[in-house]
Amino acid sequence: SSGKINAVEGEIMHTDAKEPAKLDVRFTWFMPSAPYWVISTDYENYSLVYSCTNILWFFHFEYAWIMSRSPDMHPDTVEHLKSMLRTYKIDTDKMIPTDQLNCPAEM
């Protein structure tokens, strides 16, 4: 709302070259890396990414992202990708779209 752009940089590493869609991502040097699995992509328009991790056996974190190279994504594509998540028993009810209206054209 202030117009200020927030950004974060991360480091992605392959954990096994035989499984190129399974990555580890870390955003700060003092935090452990987290799994970052590309479930689906068409290599041009979208990627479907999932992450699930436990910390100290007490905390469970589960995330899914539908990422697009453009601000608008066809609703049928979004529903197809959510359906894919549901086949893995991943709850999509709490997924919300990111407001893309005031994003700069280039970052």
PDB file of N, CA and C in Angstrom:
ATOM      1  N   SER A   1       0.816  -1.204   0.000  1.00  0.00           N
ATOM      2  CA  SER A   1       0.000   0.000   0.000  1.00  0.00           C
ATOM      3  C   SER A   1       0.855   1.261   0.000  1.00  0.00           C
ATOM      4  N   SER A   2       2.078   1.188   0.531  1.00  0.00           N
ATOM      5  CA  SER A   2       2.959   2.357   0.563  1.00  0.00           C
ATOM      6  C   SER A   2       3.679   2.568  -0.764  1.00  0.00           C
ATOM      7  N   GLY A   3       3.623   1.576  -1.639  1.00  0.00           N
ATOM      8  CA  GLY A   3       4.338   1.663  -2.901  1.00  0.00           C
ATOM      9  C   GLY A   3       5.756   1.131  -2.817  1.00  0.00           C
ATOM     10  N   LYS A   4       6.213   0.800  -1.622  1.00  0.00           N
ATOM     11  CA  LYS A   4       7.553   0.262  -1.435  1.00  0.00           C
ATOM     12  C   LYS A   4       7.587  -1.206  -1.875  1.00  0.00           C
ATOM     13  N   ILE A   5       8.609  -1.563  -2.626  1.00  0.00           N
ATOM     14  CA  ILE A   5       8.761  -2.936  -3.086  1.00  0.00           C
ATOM     15  C   ILE A   5       9.594  -3.706  -2.078  1.00  0.00           C
ATOM     16  N   ASN A   6       9.088  -4.852  -1.650  1.00  0.00           N
ATOM     17  CA  ASN A   6       9.821  -5.735  -0.758  1.00  0.00           C
ATOM     18  C   ASN A   6      10.365  -6.892  -1.586  1.00  0.00           C
ATOM     19  N   ALA A   7      11.573  -7.281  -1.319  1.00  0.00           N
ATOM     20  CA  ALA A   7      12.186  -8.369  -2.065  1.00  0.00           C
ATOM     21  C   ALA A   7      13.023  -9.224  -1.127  1.00  0.00           C
ATOM     22  N   VAL A   8      13.240 -10.452  -1.535  1.00  0.00           N
ATOM     23  CA  VAL A   8      14.082 -11.362  -0.783  1.00  0.00           C
ATOM     24  C   VAL A   8      14.873 -12.194  -1.792  1.00  0.00           C
ATOM     25  N   GLU A   9      16.100 -12.504  -1.455  1.00  0.00           N
ATOM     26  CA  GLU A   9      16.916 -13.360  -2.296  1.00  0.00           C
ATOM     27  C   GLU A   9      17.177 -14.657  -1.575  1.00  0.00           C
ATOM     28  N   GLY A  10      17.171 -15.723  -2.318  1.00  0.00           N
ATOM     29  CA  GLY A  10      17.423 -17.028  -1.739  1.00  0.00           C
ATOM     30  C   GLY A  10      18.471 -17.776  -2.537  1.00  0.00           C
ATOM     31  N   GLU A  11      18.923 -18.854  -1.965  1.00  0.00           N
ATOM     32  CA  GLU A  11      19.904 -19.720  -2.610  1.00  0.00           C
ATOM     33  C   GLU A  11      19.243 -21.082  -2.815  1.00  0.00           C
ATOM     34  N   ILE A  12      19.266 -21.558  -4.049  1.00  0.00           N
ATOM     35  CA  ILE A  12      18.661 -22.850  -4.366  1.00  0.00           C
ATOM     36  C   ILE A  12      19.769 -23.827  -4.712  1.00  0.00           C
ATOM     37  N   MET A  13      19.646 -25.036  -4.168  1.00  0.00           N
ATOM     38  CA  MET A  13      20.651 -26.069  -4.408  1.00  0.00           C
ATOM     39  C   MET A  13      19.964 -27.361  -4.829  1.00  0.00           C
ATOM     40  N   HIS A  14      20.578 -28.071  -5.753  1.00  0.00           N
ATOM     41  CA  HIS A  14      20.107 -29.413  -6.082  1.00  0.00           C
ATOM     42  C   HIS A  14      20.616 -30.362  -5.004  1.00  0.00           C
ATOM     43  N   THR A  15      19.746 -31.225  -4.545  1.00  0.00           N
ATOM     44  CA  THR A  15      20.174 -32.210  -3.556  1.00  0.00           C
ATOM     45  C   THR A  15      20.524 -33.532  -4.214  1.00  0.00           C
ATOM     46  N   ASP A  16      19.915 -33.796  -5.377  1.00  0.00           N
ATOM     47  CA  ASP A  16      20.177 -35.040  -6.089  1.00  0.00           C
ATOM     48  C   ASP A  16      20.005 -34.771  -7.585  1.00  0.00           C
ATOM     49  N   ALA A  17      21.056 -34.875  -8.338  1.00  0.00           N
ATOM     50  CA  ALA A  17      21.008 -34.585  -9.775  1.00  0.00           C
ATOM     51  C   ALA A  17      20.045 -35.505 -10.515  1.00  0.00           C
ATOM     52  N   LYS A  18      19.749 -36.671  -9.937  1.00  0.00           N
ATOM     53  CA  LYS A  18      18.804 -37.600 -10.565  1.00  0.00           C
ATOM     54  C   LYS A  18      17.360 -37.135 -10.419  1.00  0.00           C
ATOM     55  N   GLU A  19      17.108 -36.184  -9.510  1.00  0.00           N
ATOM     56  CA  GLU A  19      15.766 -35.638  -9.297  1.00  0.00           C
ATOM     57  C   GLU A  19      15.837 -34.110  -9.396  1.00  0.00           C
ATOM     58  N   PRO A  20      15.949 -33.578 -10.625  1.00  0.00           N
ATOM     59  CA  PRO A  20      16.173 -32.138 -10.793  1.00  0.00           C
ATOM     60  C   PRO A  20      15.019 -31.258 -10.311  1.00  0.00           C
ATOM     61  N   ALA A  21      13.833 -31.803 -10.129  1.00  0.00           N
ATOM     62  CA  ALA A  21      12.697 -31.002  -9.658  1.00  0.00           C
ATOM     63  C   ALA A  21      12.680 -30.862  -8.143  1.00  0.00           C
ATOM     64  N   LYS A  22      13.536 -31.593  -7.438  1.00  0.00           N
ATOM     65  CA  LYS A  22      13.601 -31.514  -5.980  1.00  0.00           C
ATOM     66  C   LYS A  22      14.815 -30.684  -5.592  1.00  0.00           C
ATOM     67  N   LEU A  23      14.526 -29.530  -5.002  1.00  0.00           N
ATOM     68  CA  LEU A  23      15.564 -28.572  -4.646  1.00  0.00           C
ATOM     69  C   LEU A  23      15.508 -28.265  -3.166  1.00  0.00           C
ATOM     70  N   ASP A  24      16.548 -27.645  -2.668  1.00  0.00           N
ATOM     71  CA  ASP A  24      16.553 -27.070  -1.319  1.00  0.00           C
ATOM     72  C   ASP A  24      16.732 -25.571  -1.490  1.00  0.00           C
ATOM     73  N   VAL A  25      16.000 -24.789  -0.701  1.00  0.00           N
ATOM     74  CA  VAL A  25      16.104 -23.337  -0.776  1.00  0.00           C
ATOM     75  C   VAL A  25      16.421 -22.795   0.611  1.00  0.00           C
ATOM     76  N   ARG A  26      17.265 -21.763   0.627  1.00  0.00           N
ATOM     77  CA  ARG A  26      17.638 -21.117   1.888  1.00  0.00           C
ATOM     78  C   ARG A  26      17.665 -19.618   1.644  1.00  0.00           C
ATOM     79  N   PHE A  27      17.084 -18.867   2.577  1.00  0.00           N
ATOM     80  CA  PHE A  27      17.004 -17.418   2.419  1.00  0.00           C
ATOM     81  C   PHE A  27      17.984 -16.665   3.306  1.00  0.00           C
ATOM     82  N   THR A  28      18.491 -17.296   4.338  1.00  0.00           N
ATOM     83  CA  THR A  28      19.524 -16.693   5.175  1.00  0.00           C
ATOM     84  C   THR A  28      20.529 -17.778   5.543  1.00  0.00           C
ATOM     85  N   TRP A  29      21.750 -17.374   5.813  1.00  0.00           N
ATOM     86  CA  TRP A  29      22.801 -18.352   6.105  1.00  0.00           C
ATOM     87  C   TRP A  29      22.579 -19.089   7.416  1.00  0.00           C
ATOM     88  N   PHE A  30      21.849 -18.493   8.355  1.00  0.00           N
ATOM     89  CA  PHE A  30      21.704 -19.122   9.672  1.00  0.00           C
ATOM     90  C   PHE A  30      20.469 -20.019   9.787  1.00  0.00           C
ATOM     91  N   MET A  31      19.655 -20.066   8.755  1.00  0.00           N
ATOM     92  CA  MET A  31      18.480 -20.943   8.790  1.00  0.00           C
ATOM     93  C   MET A  31      18.751 -22.176   7.932  1.00  0.00           C
ATOM     94  N   PRO A  32      18.195 -23.308   8.338  1.00  0.00           N
ATOM     95  CA  PRO A  32      18.377 -24.509   7.513  1.00  0.00           C
ATOM     96  C   PRO A  32      17.611 -24.365   6.199  1.00  0.00           C
ATOM     97  N   SER A  33      18.048 -25.097   5.210  1.00  0.00           N
ATOM     98  CA  SER A  33      17.338 -25.067   3.933  1.00  0.00           C
ATOM     99  C   SER A  33      16.038 -25.855   4.053  1.00  0.00           C
ATOM    100  N   ALA A  34      15.108 -25.551   3.158  1.00  0.00           N
ATOM    101  CA  ALA A  34      13.813 -26.220   3.136  1.00  0.00           C
ATOM    102  C   ALA A  34      13.610 -26.842   1.759  1.00  0.00           C
ATOM    103  N   PRO A  35      12.861 -27.944   1.698  1.00  0.00           N
ATOM    104  CA  PRO A  35      12.610 -28.560   0.397  1.00  0.00           C
ATOM    105  C   PRO A  35      11.739 -27.657  -0.469  1.00  0.00           C
ATOM    106  N   TYR A  36      11.993 -27.680  -1.738  1.00  0.00           N
ATOM    107  CA  TYR A  36      11.295 -26.851  -2.716  1.00  0.00           C
ATOM    108  C   TYR A  36      11.119 -27.728  -3.940  1.00  0.00           C
ATOM    109  N   TRP A  37       9.955 -28.345  -4.068  1.00  0.00           N
ATOM    110  CA  TRP A  37       9.736 -29.329  -5.112  1.00  0.00           C
ATOM    111  C   TRP A  37       8.852 -28.762  -6.207  1.00  0.00           C
ATOM    112  N   VAL A  38       9.345 -28.794  -7.421  1.00  0.00           N
ATOM    113  CA  VAL A  38       8.555 -28.363  -8.573  1.00  0.00           C
ATOM    114  C   VAL A  38       7.693 -29.558  -8.992  1.00  0.00           C
ATOM    115  N   ILE A  39       6.392 -29.433  -8.754  1.00  0.00           N
ATOM    116  CA  ILE A  39       5.462 -30.519  -9.066  1.00  0.00           C
ATOM    117  C   ILE A  39       5.099 -30.513 -10.545  1.00  0.00           C
ATOM    118  N   SER A  40       4.931 -29.312 -11.091  1.00  0.00           N
ATOM    119  CA  SER A  40       4.556 -29.203 -12.500  1.00  0.00           C
ATOM    120  C   SER A  40       5.021 -27.862 -13.056  1.00  0.00           C
ATOM    121  N   THR A  41       5.369 -27.855 -14.327  1.00  0.00           N
ATOM    122  CA  THR A  41       5.693 -26.612 -15.025  1.00  0.00           C
ATOM    123  C   THR A  41       5.520 -26.835 -16.517  1.00  0.00           C
ATOM    124  N   ASP A  42       5.190 -25.767 -17.228  1.00  0.00           N
ATOM    125  CA  ASP A  42       5.174 -25.853 -18.684  1.00  0.00           C
ATOM    126  C   ASP A  42       6.402 -25.143 -19.259  1.00  0.00           C
ATOM    127  N   TYR A  43       7.303 -24.684 -18.384  1.00  0.00           N
ATOM    128  CA  TYR A  43       8.575 -24.049 -18.731  1.00  0.00           C
ATOM    129  C   TYR A  43       8.429 -22.694 -19.406  1.00  0.00           C
ATOM    130  N   GLU A  44       7.203 -22.238 -19.633  1.00  0.00           N
ATOM    131  CA  GLU A  44       7.009 -20.947 -20.291  1.00  0.00           C
ATOM    132  C   GLU A  44       6.049 -20.030 -19.541  1.00  0.00           C
ATOM    133  N   ASN A  45       5.048 -20.606 -18.869  1.00  0.00           N
ATOM    134  CA  ASN A  45       4.004 -19.789 -18.266  1.00  0.00           C
ATOM    135  C   ASN A  45       3.861 -19.948 -16.762  1.00  0.00           C
ATOM    136  N   TYR A  46       3.994 -21.149 -16.251  1.00  0.00           N
ATOM    137  CA  TYR A  46       3.719 -21.373 -14.832  1.00  0.00           C
ATOM    138  C   TYR A  46       4.606 -22.467 -14.241  1.00  0.00           C
ATOM    139  N   SER A  47       4.666 -22.451 -12.910  1.00  0.00           N
ATOM    140  CA  SER A  47       5.267 -23.536 -12.137  1.00  0.00           C
ATOM    141  C   SER A  47       4.398 -23.772 -10.914  1.00  0.00           C
ATOM    142  N   LEU A  48       4.273 -25.017 -10.539  1.00  0.00           N
ATOM    143  CA  LEU A  48       3.563 -25.414  -9.326  1.00  0.00           C
ATOM    144  C   LEU A  48       4.609 -25.966  -8.372  1.00  0.00           C
ATOM    145  N   VAL A  49       4.743 -25.325  -7.209  1.00  0.00           N
ATOM    146  CA  VAL A  49       5.821 -25.661  -6.272  1.00  0.00           C
ATOM    147  C   VAL A  49       5.230 -26.003  -4.913  1.00  0.00           C
ATOM    148  N   TYR A  50       5.844 -26.977  -4.236  1.00  0.00           N
ATOM    149  CA  TYR A  50       5.381 -27.440  -2.927  1.00  0.00           C
ATOM    150  C   TYR A  50       6.565 -27.560  -1.975  1.00  0.00           C
ATOM    151  N   SER A  51       6.308 -27.234  -0.713  1.00  0.00           N
ATOM    152  CA  SER A  51       7.328 -27.374   0.320  1.00  0.00           C
ATOM    153  C   SER A  51       6.674 -27.862   1.606  1.00  0.00           C
ATOM    154  N   CYS A  52       7.307 -28.819   2.241  1.00  0.00           N
ATOM    155  CA  CYS A  52       6.804 -29.357   3.508  1.00  0.00           C
ATOM    156  C   CYS A  52       8.010 -29.691   4.375  1.00  0.00           C
ATOM    157  N   THR A  53       8.003 -29.195   5.599  1.00  0.00           N
ATOM    158  CA  THR A  53       9.151 -29.459   6.476  1.00  0.00           C
ATOM    159  C   THR A  53       8.713 -29.469   7.934  1.00  0.00           C
ATOM    160  N   ASN A  54       9.452 -30.177   8.740  1.00  0.00           N
ATOM    161  CA  ASN A  54       9.260 -30.208  10.189  1.00  0.00           C
ATOM    162  C   ASN A  54      10.495 -29.621  10.846  1.00  0.00           C
ATOM    163  N   ILE A  55      10.281 -28.846  11.897  1.00  0.00           N
ATOM    164  CA  ILE A  55      11.389 -28.262  12.641  1.00  0.00           C
ATOM    165  C   ILE A  55      11.304 -28.741  14.086  1.00  0.00           C
ATOM    166  N   LEU A  56      12.353 -29.410  14.512  1.00  0.00           N
ATOM    167  CA  LEU A  56      12.459 -29.919  15.887  1.00  0.00           C
ATOM    168  C   LEU A  56      11.294 -30.815  16.283  1.00  0.00           C
ATOM    169  N   TRP A  57      10.650 -31.450  15.332  1.00  0.00           N
ATOM    170  CA  TRP A  57       9.539 -32.370  15.581  1.00  0.00           C
ATOM    171  C   TRP A  57       8.331 -31.715  16.230  1.00  0.00           C
ATOM    172  N   PHE A  58       8.359 -30.402  16.405  1.00  0.00           N
ATOM    173  CA  PHE A  58       7.241 -29.699  17.029  1.00  0.00           C
ATOM    174  C   PHE A  58       6.460 -28.842  16.036  1.00  0.00           C
ATOM    175  N   PHE A  59       7.152 -28.347  15.016  1.00  0.00           N
ATOM    176  CA  PHE A  59       6.532 -27.417  14.082  1.00  0.00           C
ATOM    177  C   PHE A  59       6.483 -28.046  12.693  1.00  0.00           C
ATOM    178  N   HIS A  60       5.321 -27.960  12.087  1.00  0.00           N
ATOM    179  CA  HIS A  60       5.133 -28.497  10.740  1.00  0.00           C
ATOM    180  C   HIS A  60       4.718 -27.353   9.825  1.00  0.00           C
ATOM    181  N   PHE A  61       5.460 -27.156   8.739  1.00  0.00           N
ATOM    182  CA  PHE A  61       5.165 -26.096   7.787  1.00  0.00           C
ATOM    183  C   PHE A  61       4.914 -26.709   6.421  1.00  0.00           C
ATOM    184  N   GLU A  62       3.850 -26.265   5.792  1.00  0.00           N
ATOM    185  CA  GLU A  62       3.484 -26.770   4.477  1.00  0.00           C
ATOM    186  C   GLU A  62       3.060 -25.582   3.616  1.00  0.00           C
ATOM    187  N   TYR A  63       3.666 -25.456   2.427  1.00  0.00           N
ATOM    188  CA  TYR A  63       3.378 -24.345   1.523  1.00  0.00           C
ATOM    189  C   TYR A  63       3.220 -24.878   0.110  1.00  0.00           C
ATOM    190  N   ALA A  64       2.402 -24.195  -0.667  1.00  0.00           N
ATOM    191  CA  ALA A  64       2.283 -24.471  -2.097  1.00  0.00           C
ATOM    192  C   ALA A  64       2.148 -23.131  -2.804  1.00  0.00           C
ATOM    193  N   TRP A  65       2.791 -23.027  -3.969  1.00  0.00           N
ATOM    194  CA  TRP A  65       2.734 -21.801  -4.760  1.00  0.00           C
ATOM    195  C   TRP A  65       2.375 -22.152  -6.192  1.00  0.00           C
ATOM    196  N   ILE A  66       1.494 -21.374  -6.760  1.00  0.00           N
ATOM    197  CA  ILE A  66       1.253 -21.399  -8.189  1.00  0.00           C
ATOM    198  C   ILE A  66       1.882 -20.114  -8.697  1.00  0.00           C
ATOM    199  N   MET A  67       2.947 -20.246  -9.465  1.00  0.00           N
ATOM    200  CA  MET A  67       3.693 -19.076  -9.920  1.00  0.00           C
ATOM    201  C   MET A  67       3.518 -18.909 -11.424  1.00  0.00           C
ATOM    202  N   SER A  68       3.347 -17.663 -11.828  1.00  0.00           N
ATOM    203  CA  SER A  68       3.131 -17.351 -13.228  1.00  0.00           C
ATOM    204  C   SER A  68       4.133 -16.303 -13.688  1.00  0.00           C
ATOM    205  N   ARG A  69       4.473 -16.333 -14.953  1.00  0.00           N
ATOM    206  CA  ARG A  69       5.366 -15.324 -15.524  1.00  0.00           C
ATOM    207  C   ARG A  69       4.609 -14.057 -15.901  1.00  0.00           C
ATOM    208  N   SER A  70       3.284 -14.095 -15.814  1.00  0.00           N
ATOM    209  CA  SER A  70       2.485 -12.909 -16.120  1.00  0.00           C
ATOM    210  C   SER A  70       1.540 -12.636 -14.947  1.00  0.00           C
ATOM    211  N   PRO A  71       1.063 -11.399 -14.824  1.00  0.00           N
ATOM    212  CA  PRO A  71       0.184 -11.059 -13.699  1.00  0.00           C
ATOM    213  C   PRO A  71      -1.158 -11.785 -13.720  1.00  0.00           C
ATOM    214  N   ASP A  72      -1.605 -12.173 -14.902  1.00  0.00           N
ATOM    215  CA  ASP A  72      -2.891 -12.861 -15.027  1.00  0.00           C
ATOM    216  C   ASP A  72      -2.677 -14.303 -15.443  1.00  0.00           C
ATOM    217  N   MET A  73      -3.454 -15.180 -14.819  1.00  0.00           N
ATOM    218  CA  MET A  73      -3.397 -16.589 -15.177  1.00  0.00           C
ATOM    219  C   MET A  73      -4.829 -17.044 -15.430  1.00  0.00           C
ATOM    220  N   HIS A  74      -5.015 -17.800 -16.476  1.00  0.00           N
ATOM    221  CA  HIS A  74      -6.357 -18.260 -16.817  1.00  0.00           C
ATOM    222  C   HIS A  74      -6.927 -19.087 -15.655  1.00  0.00           C
ATOM    223  N   PRO A  75      -8.174 -18.817 -15.256  1.00  0.00           N
ATOM    224  CA  PRO A  75      -8.777 -19.550 -14.126  1.00  0.00           C
ATOM    225  C   PRO A  75      -8.783 -21.066 -14.313  1.00  0.00           C
ATOM    226  N   ASP A  76      -8.929 -21.551 -15.553  1.00  0.00           N
ATOM    227  CA  ASP A  76      -8.909 -22.998 -15.783  1.00  0.00           C
ATOM    228  C   ASP A  76      -7.535 -23.589 -15.464  1.00  0.00           C
ATOM    229  N   THR A  77      -6.472 -22.840 -15.757  1.00  0.00           N
ATOM    230  CA  THR A  77      -5.121 -23.300 -15.439  1.00  0.00           C
ATOM    231  C   THR A  77      -4.929 -23.353 -13.930  1.00  0.00           C
ATOM    232  N   VAL A  78      -5.398 -22.318 -13.233  1.00  0.00           N
ATOM    233  CA  VAL A  78      -5.295 -22.292 -11.771  1.00  0.00           C
ATOM    234  C   VAL A  78      -6.048 -23.483 -11.180  1.00  0.00           C
ATOM    235  N   GLU A  79      -7.250 -23.735 -11.656  1.00  0.00           N
ATOM    236  CA  GLU A  79      -8.043 -24.856 -11.124  1.00  0.00           C
ATOM    237  C   GLU A  79      -7.373 -26.189 -11.430  1.00  0.00           C
ATOM    238  N   HIS A  80      -6.795 -26.333 -12.604  1.00  0.00           N
ATOM    239  CA  HIS A  80      -6.079 -27.566 -12.949  1.00  0.00           C
ATOM    240  C   HIS A  80      -4.914 -27.807 -11.982  1.00  0.00           C
ATOM    241  N   LEU A  81      -4.157 -26.751 -11.694  1.00  0.00           N
ATOM    242  CA  LEU A  81      -3.013 -26.895 -10.795  1.00  0.00           C
ATOM    243  C   LEU A  81      -3.453 -27.167  -9.365  1.00  0.00           C
ATOM    244  N   LYS A  82      -4.523 -26.529  -8.919  1.00  0.00           N
ATOM    245  CA  LYS A  82      -5.056 -26.822  -7.581  1.00  0.00           C
ATOM    246  C   LYS A  82      -5.547 -28.265  -7.513  1.00  0.00           C
ATOM    247  N   SER A  83      -6.162 -28.723  -8.569  1.00  0.00           N
ATOM    248  CA  SER A  83      -6.622 -30.111  -8.618  1.00  0.00           C
ATOM    249  C   SER A  83      -5.448 -31.075  -8.502  1.00  0.00           C
ATOM    250  N   MET A  84      -4.339 -30.728  -9.135  1.00  0.00           N
ATOM    251  CA  MET A  84      -3.144 -31.546  -9.044  1.00  0.00           C
ATOM    252  C   MET A  84      -2.659 -31.614  -7.588  1.00  0.00           C
ATOM    253  N   LEU A  85      -2.676 -30.481  -6.884  1.00  0.00           N
ATOM    254  CA  LEU A  85      -2.290 -30.476  -5.469  1.00  0.00           C
ATOM    255  C   LEU A  85      -3.218 -31.364  -4.648  1.00  0.00           C
ATOM    256  N   ARG A  86      -4.502 -31.286  -4.929  1.00  0.00           N
ATOM    257  CA  ARG A  86      -5.471 -32.086  -4.169  1.00  0.00           C
ATOM    258  C   ARG A  86      -5.255 -33.583  -4.365  1.00  0.00           C
ATOM    259  N   THR A  87      -4.755 -34.002  -5.534  1.00  0.00           N
ATOM    260  CA  THR A  87      -4.482 -35.430  -5.729  1.00  0.00           C
ATOM    261  C   THR A  87      -3.381 -35.910  -4.789  1.00  0.00           C
ATOM    262  N   TYR A  88      -2.540 -34.970  -4.325  1.00  0.00           N
ATOM    263  CA  TYR A  88      -1.500 -35.289  -3.341  1.00  0.00           C
ATOM    264  C   TYR A  88      -1.982 -35.046  -1.909  1.00  0.00           C
ATOM    265  N   LYS A  89      -3.278 -34.822  -1.751  1.00  0.00           N
ATOM    266  CA  LYS A  89      -3.891 -34.567  -0.430  1.00  0.00           C
ATOM    267  C   LYS A  89      -3.403 -33.248   0.183  1.00  0.00           C
ATOM    268  N   ILE A  90      -3.118 -32.272  -0.671  1.00  0.00           N
ATOM    269  CA  ILE A  90      -2.700 -30.952  -0.216  1.00  0.00           C
ATOM    270  C   ILE A  90      -3.915 -30.041  -0.230  1.00  0.00           C
ATOM    271  N   ASP A  91      -4.222 -29.439   0.902  1.00  0.00           N
ATOM    272  CA  ASP A  91      -5.381 -28.568   1.048  1.00  0.00           C
ATOM    273  C   ASP A  91      -5.153 -27.259   0.291  1.00  0.00           C
ATOM    274  N   THR A  92      -6.049 -26.930  -0.615  1.00  0.00           N
ATOM    275  CA  THR A  92      -5.921 -25.697  -1.395  1.00  0.00           C
ATOM    276  C   THR A  92      -6.921 -24.629  -0.960  1.00  0.00           C
ATOM    277  N   ASP A  93      -7.718 -24.916   0.044  1.00  0.00           N
ATOM    278  CA  ASP A  93      -8.769 -23.983   0.472  1.00  0.00           C
ATOM    279  C   ASP A  93      -8.220 -22.650   0.971  1.00  0.00           C
ATOM    280  N   LYS A  94      -7.031 -22.640   1.524  1.00  0.00           N
ATOM    281  CA  LYS A  94      -6.471 -21.404   2.079  1.00  0.00           C
ATOM    282  C   LYS A  94      -5.584 -20.651   1.096  1.00  0.00           C
ATOM    283  N   MET A  95      -5.474 -21.154  -0.114  1.00  0.00           N
ATOM    284  CA  MET A  95      -4.655 -20.464  -1.115  1.00  0.00           C
ATOM    285  C   MET A  95      -5.372 -19.190  -1.550  1.00  0.00           C
ATOM    286  N   ILE A  96      -4.608 -18.107  -1.610  1.00  0.00           N
ATOM    287  CA  ILE A  96      -5.181 -16.828  -2.039  1.00  0.00           C
ATOM    288  C   ILE A  96      -4.291 -16.237  -3.133  1.00  0.00           C
ATOM    289  N   PRO A  97      -4.893 -15.579  -4.104  1.00  0.00           N
ATOM    290  CA  PRO A  97      -4.071 -14.967  -5.150  1.00  0.00           C
ATOM    291  C   PRO A  97      -3.370 -13.716  -4.631  1.00  0.00           C
ATOM    292  N   THR A  98      -2.218 -13.447  -5.167  1.00  0.00           N
ATOM    293  CA  THR A  98      -1.481 -12.232  -4.843  1.00  0.00           C
ATOM    294  C   THR A  98      -2.000 -11.105  -5.723  1.00  0.00           C
ATOM    295  N   ASP A  99      -2.237  -9.945  -5.119  1.00  0.00           N
ATOM    296  CA  ASP A  99      -2.689  -8.782  -5.868  1.00  0.00           C
ATOM    297  C   ASP A  99      -1.558  -8.306  -6.769  1.00  0.00           C
ATOM    298  N   GLN A 100      -1.782  -8.350  -8.065  1.00  0.00           N
ATOM    299  CA  GLN A 100      -0.770  -7.978  -9.049  1.00  0.00           C
ATOM    300  C   GLN A 100      -1.037  -6.619  -9.690  1.00  0.00           C
ATOM    301  N   LEU A 101      -2.076  -5.908  -9.250  1.00  0.00           N
ATOM    302  CA  LEU A 101      -2.496  -4.689  -9.932  1.00  0.00           C
ATOM    303  C   LEU A 101      -1.448  -3.583  -9.931  1.00  0.00           C
ATOM    304  N   ASN A 102      -0.735  -3.378  -8.849  1.00  0.00           N
ATOM    305  CA  ASN A 102       0.214  -2.276  -8.761  1.00  0.00           C
ATOM    306  C   ASN A 102       1.676  -2.701  -8.857  1.00  0.00           C
ATOM    307  N   CYS A 103       1.904  -3.885  -9.424  1.00  0.00           N
ATOM    308  CA  CYS A 103       3.280  -4.357  -9.569  1.00  0.00           C
ATOM    309  C   CYS A 103       3.968  -3.612 -10.698  1.00  0.00           C
ATOM    310  N   PRO A 104       5.239  -3.276 -10.514  1.00  0.00           N
ATOM    311  CA  PRO A 104       5.959  -2.626 -11.613  1.00  0.00           C
ATOM    312  C   PRO A 104       6.159  -3.603 -12.763  1.00  0.00           C
ATOM    313  N   ALA A 105       6.249  -3.086 -13.963  1.00  0.00           N
ATOM    314  CA  ALA A 105       6.421  -3.924 -15.150  1.00  0.00           C
ATOM    315  C   ALA A 105       7.736  -4.684 -15.094  1.00  0.00           C
ATOM    316  N   GLU A 106       8.787  -4.071 -14.630  1.00  0.00           N
ATOM    317  CA  GLU A 106      10.101  -4.705 -14.538  1.00  0.00           C
ATOM    318  C   GLU A 106      10.622  -4.576 -13.112  1.00  0.00           C
ATOM    319  N   MET A 107      11.220  -5.636 -12.622  1.00  0.00           N
ATOM    320  CA  MET A 107      11.819  -5.578 -11.286  1.00  0.00           C
ATOM    321  C   MET A 107      13.261  -5.985 -11.381  1.00  0.00           C
TER     322      MET A 107
END
